[in-house]
Amino acid sequence: MASARPPLSGTIAQLNRLAPILDGDKDRLDAAIGKAPKNYRRLVRLGVNGATIPYYLCQLEIRGTDLQGKTVHSNVFRSDAGRCTEP
């Protein structure tokens, strides 16, 4: 146990930093976890073609936080092709 103690204390210290962040965004985290099964079912279909993933990019957006804590969205790319209008 003595050899495991230093790495374990570092892990616990990082967990103490992470827990309040997760708690503050728990509604968002719950929503993401709720969507996960549906999203994973969609991803399973991609792997049926072997080692390649045939993916079509409809939109690329970068999202971050500025110095005032506001969420910033930057649309890099968006396509209006037919397959991008599907629900």
N, C-alpha and C. Protein backbone atom coordinates (compact mmCIF):
# COMPACT_ATOMS: atom_id res chain seq x y z
N MET A 1 0.82 -1.19 0.00
CA MET A 1 0.00 0.00 0.00
C MET A 1 0.87 1.27 0.00
N ALA A 2 2.03 1.18 0.61
CA ALA A 2 2.91 2.35 0.68
C ALA A 2 3.36 2.80 -0.70
N SER A 3 3.58 1.86 -1.63
CA SER A 3 4.02 2.24 -2.97
C SER A 3 2.87 2.82 -3.80
N ALA A 4 1.65 2.48 -3.48
CA ALA A 4 0.49 2.98 -4.23
C ALA A 4 0.02 4.34 -3.73
N ARG A 5 0.42 4.70 -2.53
CA ARG A 5 -0.09 5.92 -1.91
C ARG A 5 0.23 7.21 -2.69
N PRO A 6 1.49 7.48 -3.12
CA PRO A 6 1.75 8.75 -3.84
C PRO A 6 0.95 8.91 -5.13
N PRO A 7 0.90 7.91 -6.02
CA PRO A 7 0.08 8.11 -7.22
C PRO A 7 -1.41 8.25 -6.90
N LEU A 8 -1.85 7.53 -5.89
CA LEU A 8 -3.26 7.59 -5.53
C LEU A 8 -3.62 8.97 -4.97
N SER A 9 -2.73 9.57 -4.21
CA SER A 9 -3.03 10.90 -3.66
C SER A 9 -3.11 11.94 -4.77
N GLY A 10 -2.27 11.80 -5.81
CA GLY A 10 -2.36 12.71 -6.95
C GLY A 10 -3.68 12.56 -7.69
N THR A 11 -4.12 11.31 -7.83
CA THR A 11 -5.40 11.04 -8.49
C THR A 11 -6.55 11.63 -7.70
N ILE A 12 -6.51 11.48 -6.40
CA ILE A 12 -7.57 12.03 -5.55
C ILE A 12 -7.57 13.55 -5.59
N ALA A 13 -6.39 14.14 -5.63
CA ALA A 13 -6.31 15.61 -5.72
C ALA A 13 -6.93 16.10 -7.02
N GLN A 14 -6.67 15.42 -8.13
CA GLN A 14 -7.26 15.81 -9.41
C GLN A 14 -8.77 15.57 -9.41
N LEU A 15 -9.20 14.51 -8.74
CA LEU A 15 -10.63 14.23 -8.64
C LEU A 15 -11.34 15.32 -7.84
N ASN A 16 -10.65 15.85 -6.83
CA ASN A 16 -11.22 16.97 -6.05
C ASN A 16 -11.37 18.22 -6.91
N ARG A 17 -10.53 18.39 -7.92
CA ARG A 17 -10.67 19.52 -8.85
C ARG A 17 -11.80 19.27 -9.83
N LEU A 18 -11.95 18.01 -10.28
CA LEU A 18 -12.92 17.67 -11.32
C LEU A 18 -14.36 17.64 -10.81
N ALA A 19 -14.56 17.14 -9.60
CA ALA A 19 -15.92 16.94 -9.06
C ALA A 19 -16.76 18.21 -9.07
N PRO A 20 -16.26 19.37 -8.60
CA PRO A 20 -17.10 20.57 -8.64
C PRO A 20 -17.43 21.03 -10.06
N ILE A 21 -16.51 20.80 -10.99
CA ILE A 21 -16.77 21.18 -12.39
C ILE A 21 -17.91 20.33 -12.95
N LEU A 22 -17.84 19.02 -12.71
CA LEU A 22 -18.90 18.14 -13.19
C LEU A 22 -20.23 18.45 -12.51
N ASP A 23 -20.18 18.75 -11.23
CA ASP A 23 -21.41 19.08 -10.50
C ASP A 23 -22.04 20.36 -11.04
N GLY A 24 -21.22 21.32 -11.41
CA GLY A 24 -21.74 22.58 -11.95
C GLY A 24 -22.40 22.41 -13.31
N ASP A 25 -21.96 21.41 -14.07
CA ASP A 25 -22.53 21.15 -15.40
C ASP A 25 -23.33 19.86 -15.44
N LYS A 26 -23.91 19.46 -14.31
CA LYS A 26 -24.56 18.15 -14.26
C LYS A 26 -25.76 18.04 -15.20
N ASP A 27 -26.49 19.13 -15.43
CA ASP A 27 -27.62 19.06 -16.36
C ASP A 27 -27.12 18.78 -17.78
N ARG A 28 -26.06 19.45 -18.14
CA ARG A 28 -25.47 19.25 -19.47
C ARG A 28 -24.88 17.84 -19.60
N LEU A 29 -24.23 17.37 -18.55
CA LEU A 29 -23.65 16.03 -18.54
C LEU A 29 -24.75 14.97 -18.60
N ASP A 30 -25.84 15.16 -17.85
CA ASP A 30 -26.97 14.23 -17.90
C ASP A 30 -27.57 14.16 -19.30
N ALA A 31 -27.68 15.30 -19.96
CA ALA A 31 -28.23 15.34 -21.32
C ALA A 31 -27.32 14.57 -22.28
N ALA A 32 -26.01 14.76 -22.14
CA ALA A 32 -25.06 14.06 -23.01
C ALA A 32 -25.10 12.56 -22.78
N ILE A 33 -25.18 12.15 -21.52
CA ILE A 33 -25.26 10.73 -21.21
C ILE A 33 -26.57 10.14 -21.72
N GLY A 34 -27.64 10.91 -21.64
CA GLY A 34 -28.93 10.44 -22.15
C GLY A 34 -28.93 10.24 -23.66
N LYS A 35 -28.15 11.05 -24.39
CA LYS A 35 -28.07 10.94 -25.84
C LYS A 35 -27.07 9.87 -26.30
N ALA A 36 -26.20 9.44 -25.41
CA ALA A 36 -25.11 8.54 -25.78
C ALA A 36 -25.57 7.24 -26.46
N PRO A 37 -26.57 6.53 -25.94
CA PRO A 37 -26.95 5.27 -26.61
C PRO A 37 -27.37 5.48 -28.07
N LYS A 38 -28.15 6.52 -28.32
CA LYS A 38 -28.59 6.81 -29.69
C LYS A 38 -27.39 7.16 -30.58
N ASN A 39 -26.48 7.96 -30.05
CA ASN A 39 -25.29 8.34 -30.82
C ASN A 39 -24.39 7.15 -31.10
N TYR A 40 -24.22 6.27 -30.13
CA TYR A 40 -23.39 5.09 -30.34
C TYR A 40 -24.00 4.15 -31.36
N ARG A 41 -25.33 4.04 -31.37
CA ARG A 41 -25.99 3.20 -32.40
C ARG A 41 -25.71 3.74 -33.79
N ARG A 42 -25.66 5.06 -33.93
CA ARG A 42 -25.33 5.66 -35.23
C ARG A 42 -23.88 5.35 -35.61
N LEU A 43 -22.99 5.41 -34.64
CA LEU A 43 -21.57 5.16 -34.91
C LEU A 43 -21.31 3.70 -35.28
N VAL A 44 -22.09 2.77 -34.76
CA VAL A 44 -21.90 1.36 -35.06
C VAL A 44 -22.03 1.12 -36.56
N ARG A 45 -22.95 1.81 -37.20
CA ARG A 45 -23.15 1.63 -38.64
C ARG A 45 -21.92 2.03 -39.44
N LEU A 46 -21.12 2.94 -38.91
CA LEU A 46 -19.95 3.40 -39.64
C LEU A 46 -18.88 2.32 -39.75
N GLY A 47 -18.77 1.46 -38.76
CA GLY A 47 -17.71 0.46 -38.75
C GLY A 47 -17.95 -0.75 -39.63
N VAL A 48 -19.12 -0.86 -40.26
CA VAL A 48 -19.41 -2.05 -41.06
C VAL A 48 -18.64 -2.09 -42.37
N ASN A 49 -18.02 -1.01 -42.77
CA ASN A 49 -17.29 -0.98 -44.03
C ASN A 49 -15.81 -1.29 -43.86
N GLY A 50 -15.41 -1.88 -42.77
CA GLY A 50 -14.02 -2.23 -42.57
C GLY A 50 -13.25 -1.14 -41.86
N ALA A 51 -12.00 -0.95 -42.28
CA ALA A 51 -11.10 -0.04 -41.59
C ALA A 51 -11.36 1.43 -41.92
N THR A 52 -12.14 1.71 -42.94
CA THR A 52 -12.41 3.10 -43.30
C THR A 52 -13.77 3.52 -42.76
N ILE A 53 -13.90 4.79 -42.51
CA ILE A 53 -15.18 5.33 -42.03
C ILE A 53 -15.69 6.32 -43.07
N PRO A 54 -16.75 5.95 -43.79
CA PRO A 54 -17.31 6.87 -44.78
C PRO A 54 -18.15 7.94 -44.07
N TYR A 55 -17.59 9.08 -43.91
CA TYR A 55 -18.26 10.14 -43.16
C TYR A 55 -18.39 11.37 -44.04
N TYR A 56 -19.51 12.06 -43.94
CA TYR A 56 -19.75 13.26 -44.70
C TYR A 56 -19.88 14.41 -43.72
N LEU A 57 -19.11 15.45 -43.92
CA LEU A 57 -19.10 16.59 -43.02
C LEU A 57 -20.12 17.63 -43.47
N CYS A 58 -21.09 17.90 -42.61
CA CYS A 58 -22.11 18.90 -42.91
C CYS A 58 -21.79 20.24 -42.27
N GLN A 59 -21.20 20.20 -41.08
CA GLN A 59 -20.90 21.45 -40.38
C GLN A 59 -19.72 21.23 -39.45
N LEU A 60 -18.87 22.23 -39.38
CA LEU A 60 -17.76 22.21 -38.43
C LEU A 60 -17.82 23.51 -37.65
N GLU A 61 -17.95 23.37 -36.34
CA GLU A 61 -18.07 24.53 -35.47
C GLU A 61 -17.08 24.39 -34.32
N ILE A 62 -16.39 25.46 -34.02
CA ILE A 62 -15.50 25.49 -32.87
C ILE A 62 -16.20 26.26 -31.77
N ARG A 63 -16.21 25.67 -30.59
CA ARG A 63 -16.88 26.29 -29.46
C ARG A 63 -15.89 26.38 -28.31
N GLY A 64 -15.82 27.52 -27.67
CA GLY A 64 -14.90 27.72 -26.56
C GLY A 64 -15.43 28.77 -25.61
N THR A 65 -14.61 29.12 -24.65
CA THR A 65 -15.00 30.10 -23.65
C THR A 65 -14.01 31.27 -23.70
N ASP A 66 -14.54 32.50 -23.73
CA ASP A 66 -13.65 33.66 -23.75
C ASP A 66 -13.22 34.02 -22.33
N LEU A 67 -12.46 35.06 -22.19
CA LEU A 67 -11.91 35.43 -20.88
C LEU A 67 -12.97 35.89 -19.89
N GLN A 68 -14.14 36.30 -20.39
CA GLN A 68 -15.23 36.69 -19.50
C GLN A 68 -16.12 35.52 -19.13
N GLY A 69 -15.80 34.31 -19.62
CA GLY A 69 -16.58 33.12 -19.30
C GLY A 69 -17.76 32.89 -20.22
N LYS A 70 -17.89 33.68 -21.29
CA LYS A 70 -18.99 33.52 -22.23
C LYS A 70 -18.62 32.47 -23.28
N THR A 71 -19.59 31.69 -23.71
CA THR A 71 -19.36 30.69 -24.75
C THR A 71 -19.28 31.38 -26.10
N VAL A 72 -18.26 31.03 -26.86
CA VAL A 72 -18.03 31.63 -28.17
C VAL A 72 -18.16 30.53 -29.21
N HIS A 73 -18.96 30.78 -30.26
CA HIS A 73 -19.16 29.83 -31.36
C HIS A 73 -18.52 30.41 -32.62
N SER A 74 -17.82 29.58 -33.34
CA SER A 74 -17.23 30.00 -34.60
C SER A 74 -17.51 28.94 -35.65
N ASN A 75 -18.39 29.26 -36.59
CA ASN A 75 -18.69 28.32 -37.68
C ASN A 75 -17.55 28.34 -38.68
N VAL A 76 -16.88 27.21 -38.85
CA VAL A 76 -15.78 27.10 -39.78
C VAL A 76 -16.29 26.67 -41.15
N PHE A 77 -17.28 25.77 -41.14
CA PHE A 77 -17.78 25.21 -42.39
C PHE A 77 -19.22 24.78 -42.21
N ARG A 78 -20.05 24.99 -43.23
CA ARG A 78 -21.43 24.50 -43.22
C ARG A 78 -21.84 24.22 -44.65
N SER A 79 -22.43 23.05 -44.86
CA SER A 79 -22.89 22.64 -46.19
C SER A 79 -24.41 22.55 -46.20
N ASP A 80 -25.01 22.97 -47.30
CA ASP A 80 -26.46 22.86 -47.47
C ASP A 80 -26.80 21.74 -48.44
N ALA A 81 -25.90 20.79 -48.61
CA ALA A 81 -26.15 19.65 -49.49
C ALA A 81 -27.35 18.86 -48.99
N GLY A 82 -27.98 18.11 -49.85
CA GLY A 82 -29.19 17.38 -49.51
C GLY A 82 -29.09 16.50 -48.30
N ARG A 83 -28.00 15.77 -48.17
CA ARG A 83 -27.88 14.87 -47.03
C ARG A 83 -27.69 15.63 -45.71
N CYS A 84 -27.33 16.88 -45.77
CA CYS A 84 -27.16 17.68 -44.56
C CYS A 84 -28.49 18.22 -44.04
N THR A 85 -29.53 18.15 -44.83
CA THR A 85 -30.84 18.63 -44.40
C THR A 85 -31.67 17.54 -43.74
N GLU A 86 -31.15 16.30 -43.73
CA GLU A 86 -31.88 15.20 -43.11
C GLU A 86 -31.90 15.39 -41.60
N PRO A 87 -32.96 14.95 -40.93
CA PRO A 87 -33.05 15.13 -39.47
C PRO A 87 -32.05 14.27 -38.72
